[in-house]
Amino acid sequence: RMNDGLVELVATSGIEGAERTTATARLAEGETSLRPVYQSSQSIDAEGNALGLLAVDHERREATCTHATSGKQERIKLPERDRVANVPLNLLFLPLVRGETEVIDFQFVLCRFGARLIDAQAQVAERTTQGGEEYVEIQYSLNLGSFLNRLAAPFMPRLSVWFDSQETGSWVGHRMPLFSKGPTVMVMRSGISPSALGLADDPPASIRDR
């Protein structure tokens, strides 16, 4: 909790001694929910070079992509009621985990190939029960347009977040690229095995369990 009353979430995902990404979200508390005020994402490649900064200012209704080498900034205006959720996906997906809805439509800001706003959609992919625990896999995908979706389909990673439905929807793991064209990593809560989530016990060498 910050001095200004906001709640700040900070998440770091990466491979030890190699690529990593740090994402931050600052949220304002309402009576029944948290509202994003600011989001940012900063990635580092395997050599330790910064790959630019993505920032989303919901108060100004503006997203900024800052290029690492030139410092050049690209800005896009957000709609009055934006649905951008680059960072706090663990909170956004809770209604799916609880079975309150079947689909959640939201938005991503992407910087690669020019700053732009992309529609996204999430839904329940699988519910796995093991040892009396139920784990829920939420899959989400980006809508690049019908033509690009078909072209990119064979190369798109499977984007997932897992939750424990019996612990008020607490996060247990996620699988996603660290950044555009970066390695796909799987980050898991300590004490959770891949098999509990319906995955192979021995994941590919390209995926590191944390």
C-alpha atoms as a PDB file:
ATOM      1  CA  ARG A   1       0.000   0.000   0.000  1.00  0.00           C
ATOM      2  CA  MET A   2       1.395   3.364  -1.046  1.00  0.00           C
ATOM      3  CA  ASN A   3       1.328   6.624   0.906  1.00  0.00           C
ATOM      4  CA  ASP A   4      -1.138   8.079  -1.617  1.00  0.00           C
ATOM      5  CA  GLY A   5      -3.650   5.310  -0.840  1.00  0.00           C
ATOM      6  CA  LEU A   6      -3.027   3.278  -3.990  1.00  0.00           C
ATOM      7  CA  VAL A   7      -2.237  -0.438  -3.983  1.00  0.00           C
ATOM      8  CA  GLU A   8       0.901  -1.341  -5.952  1.00  0.00           C
ATOM      9  CA  LEU A   9       1.542  -4.771  -7.456  1.00  0.00           C
ATOM     10  CA  VAL A  10       5.018  -5.640  -8.745  1.00  0.00           C
ATOM     11  CA  ALA A  11       5.757  -8.904 -10.579  1.00  0.00           C
ATOM     12  CA  THR A  12       9.110 -10.089 -11.941  1.00  0.00           C
ATOM     13  CA  SER A  13       9.376 -13.078 -14.295  1.00  0.00           C
ATOM     14  CA  GLY A  14      12.570 -14.320 -15.843  1.00  0.00           C
ATOM     15  CA  ILE A  15      15.356 -16.800 -16.309  1.00  0.00           C
ATOM     16  CA  GLU A  16      18.217 -16.540 -13.835  1.00  0.00           C
ATOM     17  CA  GLY A  17      21.119 -14.726 -15.466  1.00  0.00           C
ATOM     18  CA  ALA A  18      19.155 -14.188 -18.668  1.00  0.00           C
ATOM     19  CA  GLU A  19      15.980 -12.474 -19.893  1.00  0.00           C
ATOM     20  CA  ARG A  20      13.546 -10.990 -17.404  1.00  0.00           C
ATOM     21  CA  THR A  21      10.560  -8.655 -17.225  1.00  0.00           C
ATOM     22  CA  THR A  22       9.293  -6.490 -14.364  1.00  0.00           C
ATOM     23  CA  ALA A  23       5.664  -5.384 -14.478  1.00  0.00           C
ATOM     24  CA  THR A  24       3.977  -2.874 -12.157  1.00  0.00           C
ATOM     25  CA  ALA A  25       0.357  -1.935 -11.587  1.00  0.00           C
ATOM     26  CA  ARG A  26      -0.996   0.769  -9.301  1.00  0.00           C
ATOM     27  CA  LEU A  27      -4.651   0.435  -8.424  1.00  0.00           C
ATOM     28  CA  ALA A  28      -7.256   2.521  -6.621  1.00  0.00           C
ATOM     29  CA  GLU A  29      -9.574   0.758  -4.195  1.00  0.00           C
ATOM     30  CA  GLY A  30     -13.303   1.000  -4.755  1.00  0.00           C
ATOM     31  CA  GLU A  31     -16.095  -0.460  -2.637  1.00  0.00           C
ATOM     32  CA  THR A  32     -16.066  -3.784  -4.484  1.00  0.00           C
ATOM     33  CA  SER A  33     -13.105  -3.724  -6.868  1.00  0.00           C
ATOM     34  CA  LEU A  34      -9.705  -2.303  -7.751  1.00  0.00           C
ATOM     35  CA  ARG A  35      -9.371   0.176 -10.624  1.00  0.00           C
ATOM     36  CA  PRO A  36      -6.089   0.430 -12.579  1.00  0.00           C
ATOM     37  CA  VAL A  37      -4.503   3.880 -12.403  1.00  0.00           C
ATOM     38  CA  TYR A  38      -1.088   3.157 -13.889  1.00  0.00           C
ATOM     39  CA  GLN A  39       0.636   0.139 -15.456  1.00  0.00           C
ATOM     40  CA  SER A  40       4.180  -0.366 -16.726  1.00  0.00           C
ATOM     41  CA  SER A  41       6.387  -3.107 -18.123  1.00  0.00           C
ATOM     42  CA  GLN A  42      10.185  -3.132 -18.526  1.00  0.00           C
ATOM     43  CA  SER A  43      12.083  -6.019 -20.170  1.00  0.00           C
ATOM     44  CA  ILE A  44      15.777  -6.960 -20.130  1.00  0.00           C
ATOM     45  CA  ASP A  45      17.361  -9.276 -22.718  1.00  0.00           C
ATOM     46  CA  ALA A  46      19.896 -12.077 -22.079  1.00  0.00           C
ATOM     47  CA  GLU A  47      22.818  -9.631 -22.307  1.00  0.00           C
ATOM     48  CA  GLY A  48      21.293  -7.282 -19.749  1.00  0.00           C
ATOM     49  CA  ASN A  49      20.162  -4.648 -22.241  1.00  0.00           C
ATOM     50  CA  ALA A  50      16.930  -2.755 -21.573  1.00  0.00           C
ATOM     51  CA  LEU A  51      14.321  -3.332 -24.266  1.00  0.00           C
ATOM     52  CA  GLY A  52      12.248  -0.238 -23.727  1.00  0.00           C
ATOM     53  CA  LEU A  53       9.465   0.800 -21.390  1.00  0.00           C
ATOM     54  CA  LEU A  54       5.711   0.428 -21.793  1.00  0.00           C
ATOM     55  CA  ALA A  55       3.613   2.738 -19.602  1.00  0.00           C
ATOM     56  CA  VAL A  56      -0.161   3.087 -19.404  1.00  0.00           C
ATOM     57  CA  ASP A  57      -1.559   6.146 -17.601  1.00  0.00           C
ATOM     58  CA  HIS A  58      -5.288   5.626 -17.121  1.00  0.00           C
ATOM     59  CA  GLU A  59      -5.756   9.046 -15.530  1.00  0.00           C
ATOM     60  CA  ARG A  60      -4.385  10.791 -18.628  1.00  0.00           C
ATOM     61  CA  ARG A  61      -5.912   8.139 -20.916  1.00  0.00           C
ATOM     62  CA  GLU A  62      -2.543   7.704 -22.592  1.00  0.00           C
ATOM     63  CA  ALA A  63      -0.124   4.847 -23.304  1.00  0.00           C
ATOM     64  CA  THR A  64       3.569   5.437 -24.035  1.00  0.00           C
ATOM     65  CA  CYS A  65       6.189   3.187 -25.634  1.00  0.00           C
ATOM     66  CA  THR A  66       9.741   4.410 -24.956  1.00  0.00           C
ATOM     67  CA  HIS A  67      12.437   2.871 -27.169  1.00  0.00           C
ATOM     68  CA  ALA A  68      15.527   1.747 -25.283  1.00  0.00           C
ATOM     69  CA  THR A  69      18.221   2.865 -27.728  1.00  0.00           C
ATOM     70  CA  SER A  70      16.887   6.143 -29.100  1.00  0.00           C
ATOM     71  CA  GLY A  71      14.697   7.210 -26.189  1.00  0.00           C
ATOM     72  CA  LYS A  72      12.016   8.040 -28.760  1.00  0.00           C
ATOM     73  CA  GLN A  73       8.470   7.897 -27.433  1.00  0.00           C
ATOM     74  CA  GLU A  74       5.318   6.800 -29.199  1.00  0.00           C
ATOM     75  CA  ARG A  75       2.029   7.790 -27.622  1.00  0.00           C
ATOM     76  CA  ILE A  76      -1.527   6.608 -28.206  1.00  0.00           C
ATOM     77  CA  LYS A  77      -4.728   7.905 -26.676  1.00  0.00           C
ATOM     78  CA  LEU A  78      -6.908   5.479 -24.779  1.00  0.00           C
ATOM     79  CA  PRO A  79     -10.701   5.454 -25.086  1.00  0.00           C
ATOM     80  CA  GLU A  80     -12.674   7.123 -22.307  1.00  0.00           C
ATOM     81  CA  ARG A  81     -13.550   3.760 -20.773  1.00  0.00           C
ATOM     82  CA  ASP A  82     -10.513   1.690 -21.645  1.00  0.00           C
ATOM     83  CA  ARG A  83     -10.205  -2.000 -20.725  1.00  0.00           C
ATOM     84  CA  VAL A  84      -6.411  -2.183 -20.785  1.00  0.00           C
ATOM     85  CA  ALA A  85      -5.029  -4.898 -18.492  1.00  0.00           C
ATOM     86  CA  ASN A  86      -1.422  -5.587 -19.463  1.00  0.00           C
ATOM     87  CA  VAL A  87      -0.413  -6.308 -15.870  1.00  0.00           C
ATOM     88  CA  PRO A  88      -3.113  -7.232 -13.293  1.00  0.00           C
ATOM     89  CA  LEU A  89      -4.445 -10.308 -15.147  1.00  0.00           C
ATOM     90  CA  ASN A  90      -4.650 -12.282 -11.905  1.00  0.00           C
ATOM     91  CA  LEU A  91      -7.344  -9.851 -10.721  1.00  0.00           C
ATOM     92  CA  LEU A  92      -9.087  -9.436 -14.076  1.00  0.00           C
ATOM     93  CA  PHE A  93      -9.709 -13.177 -14.472  1.00  0.00           C
ATOM     94  CA  LEU A  94     -11.259 -13.842 -11.043  1.00  0.00           C
ATOM     95  CA  PRO A  95     -14.886 -13.718 -12.325  1.00  0.00           C
ATOM     96  CA  LEU A  96     -13.983 -16.566 -14.714  1.00  0.00           C
ATOM     97  CA  VAL A  97     -12.469 -18.613 -11.892  1.00  0.00           C
ATOM     98  CA  ARG A  98     -15.583 -18.119  -9.765  1.00  0.00           C
ATOM     99  CA  GLY A  99     -17.875 -19.075 -12.649  1.00  0.00           C
ATOM    100  CA  GLU A 100     -19.565 -15.658 -12.708  1.00  0.00           C
ATOM    101  CA  THR A 101     -19.037 -15.238 -16.455  1.00  0.00           C
ATOM    102  CA  GLU A 102     -17.856 -17.317 -19.412  1.00  0.00           C
ATOM    103  CA  VAL A 103     -15.827 -14.746 -21.358  1.00  0.00           C
ATOM    104  CA  ILE A 104     -13.920 -11.561 -20.469  1.00  0.00           C
ATOM    105  CA  ASP A 105     -13.054  -9.075 -23.193  1.00  0.00           C
ATOM    106  CA  PHE A 106     -10.197  -6.701 -22.467  1.00  0.00           C
ATOM    107  CA  GLN A 107      -7.350  -4.842 -24.189  1.00  0.00           C
ATOM    108  CA  PHE A 108      -3.561  -4.930 -24.438  1.00  0.00           C
ATOM    109  CA  VAL A 109      -1.169  -2.152 -25.389  1.00  0.00           C
ATOM    110  CA  LEU A 110       1.637  -3.458 -27.630  1.00  0.00           C
ATOM    111  CA  CYS A 111       4.807  -1.566 -28.535  1.00  0.00           C
ATOM    112  CA  ARG A 112       6.444  -3.867 -31.086  1.00  0.00           C
ATOM    113  CA  PHE A 113       5.995  -2.612 -34.665  1.00  0.00           C
ATOM    114  CA  GLY A 114       4.445   0.608 -33.352  1.00  0.00           C
ATOM    115  CA  ALA A 115       2.332   1.474 -30.318  1.00  0.00           C
ATOM    116  CA  ARG A 116      -1.202   0.179 -30.685  1.00  0.00           C
ATOM    117  CA  LEU A 117      -4.234  -1.047 -28.775  1.00  0.00           C
ATOM    118  CA  ILE A 118      -5.219  -4.700 -29.308  1.00  0.00           C
ATOM    119  CA  ASP A 119      -8.433  -6.467 -28.286  1.00  0.00           C
ATOM    120  CA  ALA A 120      -8.062  -9.640 -26.216  1.00  0.00           C
ATOM    121  CA  GLN A 121     -10.359 -12.317 -24.829  1.00  0.00           C
ATOM    122  CA  ALA A 122     -10.098 -14.803 -21.963  1.00  0.00           C
ATOM    123  CA  GLN A 123     -12.089 -17.883 -21.010  1.00  0.00           C
ATOM    124  CA  VAL A 124     -11.801 -21.057 -18.914  1.00  0.00           C
ATOM    125  CA  ALA A 125      -9.765 -23.709 -20.740  1.00  0.00           C
ATOM    126  CA  GLU A 126      -9.769 -26.493 -18.152  1.00  0.00           C
ATOM    127  CA  ARG A 127     -10.592 -27.334 -14.554  1.00  0.00           C
ATOM    128  CA  THR A 128      -8.273 -29.960 -13.020  1.00  0.00           C
ATOM    129  CA  THR A 129      -9.009 -31.682  -9.700  1.00  0.00           C
ATOM    130  CA  GLN A 130      -6.232 -33.397  -7.769  1.00  0.00           C
ATOM    131  CA  GLY A 131      -6.076 -34.336  -4.113  1.00  0.00           C
ATOM    132  CA  GLY A 132      -9.257 -32.436  -3.365  1.00  0.00           C
ATOM    133  CA  GLU A 133      -7.930 -29.224  -4.940  1.00  0.00           C
ATOM    134  CA  GLU A 134      -9.392 -27.672  -8.081  1.00  0.00           C
ATOM    135  CA  TYR A 135      -7.074 -25.715 -10.357  1.00  0.00           C
ATOM    136  CA  VAL A 136      -8.543 -23.559 -13.114  1.00  0.00           C
ATOM    137  CA  GLU A 137      -6.636 -22.754 -16.306  1.00  0.00           C
ATOM    138  CA  ILE A 138      -7.633 -19.480 -17.931  1.00  0.00           C
ATOM    139  CA  GLN A 139      -6.451 -19.054 -21.514  1.00  0.00           C
ATOM    140  CA  TYR A 140      -6.370 -15.722 -23.281  1.00  0.00           C
ATOM    141  CA  SER A 141      -5.565 -14.652 -26.823  1.00  0.00           C
ATOM    142  CA  LEU A 142      -4.938 -11.436 -28.737  1.00  0.00           C
ATOM    143  CA  ASN A 143      -7.115 -10.438 -31.679  1.00  0.00           C
ATOM    144  CA  LEU A 144      -4.744  -9.264 -34.409  1.00  0.00           C
ATOM    145  CA  GLY A 145      -7.461  -9.284 -37.065  1.00  0.00           C
ATOM    146  CA  SER A 146      -8.763 -12.303 -38.962  1.00  0.00           C
ATOM    147  CA  PHE A 147      -5.979 -12.325 -41.560  1.00  0.00           C
ATOM    148  CA  LEU A 148      -3.092 -11.908 -39.090  1.00  0.00           C
ATOM    149  CA  ASN A 149      -4.691 -14.347 -36.651  1.00  0.00           C
ATOM    150  CA  ARG A 150      -4.540 -17.079 -39.302  1.00  0.00           C
ATOM    151  CA  LEU A 151      -0.945 -16.264 -40.238  1.00  0.00           C
ATOM    152  CA  ALA A 152       0.266 -16.046 -36.658  1.00  0.00           C
ATOM    153  CA  ALA A 153      -1.664 -19.033 -35.248  1.00  0.00           C
ATOM    154  CA  PRO A 154       1.159 -21.607 -35.707  1.00  0.00           C
ATOM    155  CA  PHE A 155       3.654 -19.314 -33.973  1.00  0.00           C
ATOM    156  CA  MET A 156       1.537 -17.968 -31.121  1.00  0.00           C
ATOM    157  CA  PRO A 157       2.374 -19.309 -27.643  1.00  0.00           C
ATOM    158  CA  ARG A 158      -0.365 -20.710 -25.447  1.00  0.00           C
ATOM    159  CA  LEU A 159      -1.086 -17.958 -22.925  1.00  0.00           C
ATOM    160  CA  SER A 160      -2.428 -19.281 -19.634  1.00  0.00           C
ATOM    161  CA  VAL A 161      -2.907 -18.328 -15.994  1.00  0.00           C
ATOM    162  CA  TRP A 162      -3.790 -20.932 -13.332  1.00  0.00           C
ATOM    163  CA  PHE A 163      -5.757 -20.337 -10.139  1.00  0.00           C
ATOM    164  CA  ASP A 164      -6.749 -22.343  -7.065  1.00  0.00           C
ATOM    165  CA  SER A 165     -10.530 -22.059  -7.096  1.00  0.00           C
ATOM    166  CA  GLN A 166     -10.814 -23.079  -3.425  1.00  0.00           C
ATOM    167  CA  GLU A 167      -8.482 -20.364  -2.116  1.00  0.00           C
ATOM    168  CA  THR A 168     -10.577 -17.385  -3.199  1.00  0.00           C
ATOM    169  CA  GLY A 169      -9.092 -17.700  -6.669  1.00  0.00           C
ATOM    170  CA  SER A 170      -5.438 -17.326  -5.657  1.00  0.00           C
ATOM    171  CA  TRP A 171      -2.797 -17.382  -8.414  1.00  0.00           C
ATOM    172  CA  VAL A 172      -0.774 -20.592  -8.739  1.00  0.00           C
ATOM    173  CA  GLY A 173       1.054 -20.146 -12.054  1.00  0.00           C
ATOM    174  CA  HIS A 174       1.249 -18.610 -15.505  1.00  0.00           C
ATOM    175  CA  ARG A 175       2.802 -19.309 -18.899  1.00  0.00           C
ATOM    176  CA  MET A 176       3.644 -16.478 -21.296  1.00  0.00           C
ATOM    177  CA  PRO A 177       6.532 -14.923 -23.247  1.00  0.00           C
ATOM    178  CA  LEU A 178       8.734 -12.579 -21.246  1.00  0.00           C
ATOM    179  CA  PHE A 179       8.392 -10.043 -24.072  1.00  0.00           C
ATOM    180  CA  SER A 180       7.784  -9.923 -27.827  1.00  0.00           C
ATOM    181  CA  LYS A 181       9.891 -12.636 -29.502  1.00  0.00           C
ATOM    182  CA  GLY A 182      11.302 -13.517 -26.069  1.00  0.00           C
ATOM    183  CA  PRO A 183      11.357 -16.984 -24.478  1.00  0.00           C
ATOM    184  CA  THR A 184       8.140 -18.437 -23.098  1.00  0.00           C
ATOM    185  CA  VAL A 185       8.473 -19.155 -19.394  1.00  0.00           C
ATOM    186  CA  MET A 186       6.296 -20.891 -16.854  1.00  0.00           C
ATOM    187  CA  VAL A 187       6.216 -19.421 -13.364  1.00  0.00           C
ATOM    188  CA  MET A 188       4.660 -21.534 -10.604  1.00  0.00           C
ATOM    189  CA  ARG A 189       3.897 -21.088  -6.939  1.00  0.00           C
ATOM    190  CA  SER A 190       6.185 -23.068  -4.618  1.00  0.00           C
ATOM    191  CA  GLY A 191       4.728 -26.459  -3.735  1.00  0.00           C
ATOM    192  CA  ILE A 192       2.637 -26.787  -6.918  1.00  0.00           C
ATOM    193  CA  SER A 193       3.743 -29.502  -9.370  1.00  0.00           C
ATOM    194  CA  PRO A 194       3.089 -29.316 -13.130  1.00  0.00           C
ATOM    195  CA  SER A 195       1.042 -32.525 -12.923  1.00  0.00           C
ATOM    196  CA  ALA A 196      -1.370 -30.843 -10.494  1.00  0.00           C
ATOM    197  CA  LEU A 197      -2.198 -28.414 -13.297  1.00  0.00           C
ATOM    198  CA  GLY A 198      -2.663 -31.185 -15.851  1.00  0.00           C
ATOM    199  CA  LEU A 199       0.825 -30.699 -17.342  1.00  0.00           C
ATOM    200  CA  ALA A 200       3.769 -33.028 -17.854  1.00  0.00           C
ATOM    201  CA  ASP A 201       6.011 -33.411 -14.794  1.00  0.00           C
ATOM    202  CA  ASP A 202       9.085 -32.811 -16.932  1.00  0.00           C
ATOM    203  CA  PRO A 203       8.481 -29.628 -18.980  1.00  0.00           C
ATOM    204  CA  PRO A 204      10.649 -28.801 -22.009  1.00  0.00           C
ATOM    205  CA  ALA A 205      14.110 -27.399 -21.295  1.00  0.00           C
ATOM    206  CA  SER A 206      12.962 -24.060 -22.736  1.00  0.00           C
ATOM    207  CA  ILE A 207      10.540 -23.659 -19.832  1.00  0.00           C
ATOM    208  CA  ARG A 208      11.904 -22.948 -16.388  1.00  0.00           C
ATOM    209  CA  ASP A 209       9.716 -23.605 -13.307  1.00  0.00           C
ATOM    210  CA  ARG A 210      10.054 -21.062 -10.541  1.00  0.00           C
END
